[in-house]
Amino acid sequence: MKLTAAAVKREALALKKADEAEQKRLEDLEWNQRDETEFVTWKREMDQRDELIRLDYIQRRKIEMELSRDEAILAQQRKAHENRIAARDMKVEAHKREGERGQNAKEDFDKKVVVVEQVHSQKDKAAEAVSKMKSENRDLRD
């Protein structure tokens, strides 16, 4: 492979930057008695743990939403069934009341027929009484 002067300079610059970063890390370790790689490792582990917690939370929320949806569907079906039963009961009750109204109307009609018959009977008796009185008065006059 043929190296040009620019490629050699780029490689030298990359090596120099890597050496400077390592030198800086070693100086930081000397001065602060700490190694940044341990912190970076800890931070990466914490970020991974946080991401797992976030994904777990999202999954849990999805499951909760699906369960809520299923419960809402069941509640809606249950309410529709209850409404159908209530409507059927109301129809039965209305039919029963209609029968009672018909029976009451027939009883009222029968009572009125009896009253009309009594009125006619009394009218006939009154007419007989009047004619009887007239005939008695005639007999007395004669």
C-alpha atoms as a PDB file:
ATOM      1  CA  MET A   1       0.000   0.000   0.000  1.00  0.00           C
ATOM      2  CA  LYS A   2       1.362   3.346  -0.990  1.00  0.00           C
ATOM      3  CA  LEU A   3       1.337   6.040   1.668  1.00  0.00           C
ATOM      4  CA  THR A   4       1.284   9.631   0.749  1.00  0.00           C
ATOM      5  CA  ALA A   5       2.641  12.419   2.830  1.00  0.00           C
ATOM      6  CA  ALA A   6      -0.873  13.501   3.804  1.00  0.00           C
ATOM      7  CA  ALA A   7      -1.791   9.987   4.977  1.00  0.00           C
ATOM      8  CA  VAL A   8       1.381   9.810   7.056  1.00  0.00           C
ATOM      9  CA  LYS A   9       0.616  13.209   8.624  1.00  0.00           C
ATOM     10  CA  ARG A  10      -2.978  12.116   9.403  1.00  0.00           C
ATOM     11  CA  GLU A  11      -1.705   8.943  11.089  1.00  0.00           C
ATOM     12  CA  ALA A  12       0.852  10.908  13.070  1.00  0.00           C
ATOM     13  CA  LEU A  13      -1.795  13.386  14.194  1.00  0.00           C
ATOM     14  CA  ALA A  14      -4.172  10.575  15.256  1.00  0.00           C
ATOM     15  CA  LEU A  15      -1.378   8.887  17.244  1.00  0.00           C
ATOM     16  CA  LYS A  16      -0.443  12.204  18.814  1.00  0.00           C
ATOM     17  CA  LYS A  17      -4.068  12.836  19.905  1.00  0.00           C
ATOM     18  CA  ALA A  18      -4.360   9.326  21.345  1.00  0.00           C
ATOM     19  CA  ASP A  19      -1.079   9.806  23.234  1.00  0.00           C
ATOM     20  CA  GLU A  20      -2.264  13.190  24.552  1.00  0.00           C
ATOM     21  CA  ALA A  21      -5.574  11.702  25.736  1.00  0.00           C
ATOM     22  CA  GLU A  22      -3.727   8.870  27.505  1.00  0.00           C
ATOM     23  CA  GLN A  23      -1.277  11.353  28.982  1.00  0.00           C
ATOM     24  CA  LYS A  24      -4.160  13.529  30.212  1.00  0.00           C
ATOM     25  CA  ARG A  25      -5.823  10.501  31.776  1.00  0.00           C
ATOM     26  CA  LEU A  26      -2.623   9.520  33.539  1.00  0.00           C
ATOM     27  CA  GLU A  27      -2.066  13.085  34.797  1.00  0.00           C
ATOM     28  CA  ASP A  28      -5.670  13.217  36.042  1.00  0.00           C
ATOM     29  CA  LEU A  29      -5.097   9.899  37.774  1.00  0.00           C
ATOM     30  CA  GLU A  30      -1.922  11.253  39.414  1.00  0.00           C
ATOM     31  CA  TRP A  31      -3.462  14.531  40.535  1.00  0.00           C
ATOM     32  CA  ASN A  32      -6.972  13.405  41.522  1.00  0.00           C
ATOM     33  CA  GLN A  33      -6.246   9.841  42.450  1.00  0.00           C
ATOM     34  CA  ARG A  34      -9.071   8.645  40.269  1.00  0.00           C
ATOM     35  CA  ASP A  35      -9.603   6.951  36.956  1.00  0.00           C
ATOM     36  CA  GLU A  36     -12.298   8.304  34.667  1.00  0.00           C
ATOM     37  CA  THR A  37     -12.847   4.929  32.990  1.00  0.00           C
ATOM     38  CA  GLU A  38     -14.468   3.618  36.167  1.00  0.00           C
ATOM     39  CA  PHE A  39     -16.917   6.542  36.139  1.00  0.00           C
ATOM     40  CA  VAL A  40     -17.644   6.092  32.437  1.00  0.00           C
ATOM     41  CA  THR A  41     -18.315   2.378  33.025  1.00  0.00           C
ATOM     42  CA  TRP A  42     -20.577   3.158  35.995  1.00  0.00           C
ATOM     43  CA  LYS A  43     -22.408   5.836  33.977  1.00  0.00           C
ATOM     44  CA  ARG A  44     -22.939   3.458  31.056  1.00  0.00           C
ATOM     45  CA  GLU A  45     -24.328   0.794  33.434  1.00  0.00           C
ATOM     46  CA  MET A  46     -26.669   3.325  35.054  1.00  0.00           C
ATOM     47  CA  ASP A  47     -27.861   4.537  31.641  1.00  0.00           C
ATOM     48  CA  GLN A  48     -28.525   0.944  30.598  1.00  0.00           C
ATOM     49  CA  ARG A  49     -30.394   0.279  33.854  1.00  0.00           C
ATOM     50  CA  ASP A  50     -32.441   3.477  33.385  1.00  0.00           C
ATOM     51  CA  GLU A  51     -33.271   2.445  29.820  1.00  0.00           C
ATOM     52  CA  LEU A  52     -34.409  -0.993  31.047  1.00  0.00           C
ATOM     53  CA  ILE A  53     -36.585   0.647  33.699  1.00  0.00           C
ATOM     54  CA  ARG A  54     -38.051   2.987  31.082  1.00  0.00           C
ATOM     55  CA  LEU A  55     -38.787   0.101  28.687  1.00  0.00           C
ATOM     56  CA  ASP A  56     -40.318  -1.904  31.543  1.00  0.00           C
ATOM     57  CA  TYR A  57     -42.537   1.067  32.437  1.00  0.00           C
ATOM     58  CA  ILE A  58     -43.641   1.459  28.816  1.00  0.00           C
ATOM     59  CA  GLN A  59     -44.416  -2.271  28.545  1.00  0.00           C
ATOM     60  CA  ARG A  60     -46.362  -2.189  31.817  1.00  0.00           C
ATOM     61  CA  ARG A  61     -48.401   0.819  30.615  1.00  0.00           C
ATOM     62  CA  LYS A  62     -49.194  -0.973  27.341  1.00  0.00           C
ATOM     63  CA  ILE A  63     -50.426  -4.016  29.265  1.00  0.00           C
ATOM     64  CA  GLU A  64     -52.477  -1.821  31.626  1.00  0.00           C
ATOM     65  CA  MET A  65     -54.049   0.002  28.680  1.00  0.00           C
ATOM     66  CA  GLU A  66     -54.931  -3.294  26.983  1.00  0.00           C
ATOM     67  CA  LEU A  67     -56.491  -4.607  30.206  1.00  0.00           C
ATOM     68  CA  SER A  68     -58.437  -1.371  30.646  1.00  0.00           C
ATOM     69  CA  ARG A  69     -59.662  -1.612  27.075  1.00  0.00           C
ATOM     70  CA  ASP A  70     -60.777  -5.210  27.608  1.00  0.00           C
ATOM     71  CA  GLU A  71     -62.544  -4.261  30.853  1.00  0.00           C
ATOM     72  CA  ALA A  72     -64.304  -1.367  29.106  1.00  0.00           C
ATOM     73  CA  ILE A  73     -65.499  -3.680  26.325  1.00  0.00           C
ATOM     74  CA  LEU A  74     -66.794  -6.201  28.863  1.00  0.00           C
ATOM     75  CA  ALA A  75     -68.521  -3.458  30.855  1.00  0.00           C
ATOM     76  CA  GLN A  76     -70.162  -2.145  27.692  1.00  0.00           C
ATOM     77  CA  GLN A  77     -71.361  -5.646  26.753  1.00  0.00           C
ATOM     78  CA  ARG A  78     -72.625  -6.229  30.290  1.00  0.00           C
ATOM     79  CA  LYS A  79     -74.509  -2.909  30.262  1.00  0.00           C
ATOM     80  CA  ALA A  80     -76.064  -3.697  26.864  1.00  0.00           C
ATOM     81  CA  HIS A  81     -77.196  -7.090  28.203  1.00  0.00           C
ATOM     82  CA  GLU A  82     -78.666  -5.458  31.316  1.00  0.00           C
ATOM     83  CA  ASN A  83     -80.473  -2.920  29.124  1.00  0.00           C
ATOM     84  CA  ARG A  84     -81.945  -5.695  26.954  1.00  0.00           C
ATOM     85  CA  ILE A  85     -83.163  -7.517  30.078  1.00  0.00           C
ATOM     86  CA  ALA A  86     -84.645  -4.295  31.497  1.00  0.00           C
ATOM     87  CA  ALA A  87     -86.403  -3.564  28.181  1.00  0.00           C
ATOM     88  CA  ARG A  88     -87.826  -7.086  28.082  1.00  0.00           C
ATOM     89  CA  ASP A  89     -89.044  -6.766  31.680  1.00  0.00           C
ATOM     90  CA  MET A  90     -90.596  -3.388  30.896  1.00  0.00           C
ATOM     91  CA  LYS A  91     -92.426  -4.871  27.894  1.00  0.00           C
ATOM     92  CA  VAL A  92     -93.738  -7.728  30.042  1.00  0.00           C
ATOM     93  CA  GLU A  93     -94.844  -5.239  32.710  1.00  0.00           C
ATOM     94  CA  ALA A  94     -96.506  -3.001  30.096  1.00  0.00           C
ATOM     95  CA  HIS A  95     -98.336  -5.993  28.623  1.00  0.00           C
ATOM     96  CA  LYS A  96     -99.453  -7.017  32.119  1.00  0.00           C
ATOM     97  CA  ARG A  97    -100.676  -3.468  32.886  1.00  0.00           C
ATOM     98  CA  GLU A  98    -102.477  -3.358  29.541  1.00  0.00           C
ATOM     99  CA  GLY A  99    -104.260  -6.585  30.476  1.00  0.00           C
ATOM    100  CA  GLU A 100    -105.160  -5.145  33.883  1.00  0.00           C
ATOM    101  CA  ARG A 101    -106.455  -1.944  32.232  1.00  0.00           C
ATOM    102  CA  GLY A 102    -108.557  -4.024  29.869  1.00  0.00           C
ATOM    103  CA  GLN A 103    -109.932  -6.050  32.787  1.00  0.00           C
ATOM    104  CA  ASN A 104    -110.639  -2.870  34.765  1.00  0.00           C
ATOM    105  CA  ALA A 105    -112.351  -1.298  31.752  1.00  0.00           C
ATOM    106  CA  LYS A 106    -114.535  -4.415  31.356  1.00  0.00           C
ATOM    107  CA  GLU A 107    -115.408  -4.359  35.074  1.00  0.00           C
ATOM    108  CA  ASP A 108    -116.250  -0.626  34.830  1.00  0.00           C
ATOM    109  CA  PHE A 109    -118.388  -1.313  31.769  1.00  0.00           C
ATOM    110  CA  ASP A 110    -120.199  -4.155  33.586  1.00  0.00           C
ATOM    111  CA  LYS A 111    -120.810  -1.870  36.587  1.00  0.00           C
ATOM    112  CA  LYS A 112    -122.205   0.827  34.316  1.00  0.00           C
ATOM    113  CA  VAL A 113    -124.456  -1.707  32.608  1.00  0.00           C
ATOM    114  CA  VAL A 114    -125.801  -2.743  36.033  1.00  0.00           C
ATOM    115  CA  VAL A 115    -126.355   0.910  36.969  1.00  0.00           C
ATOM    116  CA  VAL A 116    -128.152   1.562  33.659  1.00  0.00           C
ATOM    117  CA  GLU A 117    -130.333  -1.515  34.227  1.00  0.00           C
ATOM    118  CA  GLN A 118    -131.109  -0.317  37.756  1.00  0.00           C
ATOM    119  CA  VAL A 119    -131.979   3.144  36.447  1.00  0.00           C
ATOM    120  CA  HIS A 120    -134.255   1.629  33.780  1.00  0.00           C
ATOM    121  CA  SER A 121    -135.786  -0.688  36.360  1.00  0.00           C
ATOM    122  CA  GLN A 122    -136.456   2.202  38.731  1.00  0.00           C
ATOM    123  CA  LYS A 123    -137.824   4.254  35.838  1.00  0.00           C
ATOM    124  CA  ASP A 124    -140.135   1.394  34.940  1.00  0.00           C
ATOM    125  CA  LYS A 125    -141.189   1.003  38.593  1.00  0.00           C
ATOM    126  CA  ALA A 126    -141.779   4.750  38.808  1.00  0.00           C
ATOM    127  CA  ALA A 127    -143.884   4.615  35.653  1.00  0.00           C
ATOM    128  CA  GLU A 128    -145.846   1.657  37.083  1.00  0.00           C
ATOM    129  CA  ALA A 129    -146.279   3.505  40.359  1.00  0.00           C
ATOM    130  CA  VAL A 130    -147.525   6.577  38.528  1.00  0.00           C
ATOM    131  CA  SER A 131    -150.000   4.546  36.481  1.00  0.00           C
ATOM    132  CA  LYS A 132    -151.039   2.644  39.628  1.00  0.00           C
ATOM    133  CA  MET A 133    -151.608   5.931  41.447  1.00  0.00           C
ATOM    134  CA  LYS A 134    -153.576   7.272  38.511  1.00  0.00           C
ATOM    135  CA  SER A 135    -155.725   4.176  38.432  1.00  0.00           C
ATOM    136  CA  GLU A 136    -156.252   4.354  42.215  1.00  0.00           C
ATOM    137  CA  ASN A 137    -157.148   8.011  41.945  1.00  0.00           C
ATOM    138  CA  ARG A 138    -159.599   7.165  39.167  1.00  0.00           C
ATOM    139  CA  ASP A 139    -161.068   4.412  41.223  1.00  0.00           C
ATOM    140  CA  LEU A 140    -161.463   6.752  44.149  1.00  0.00           C
ATOM    141  CA  ARG A 141    -163.087   9.414  42.028  1.00  0.00           C
ATOM    142  CA  ASP A 142    -165.442   7.031  40.493  1.00  0.00           C
END
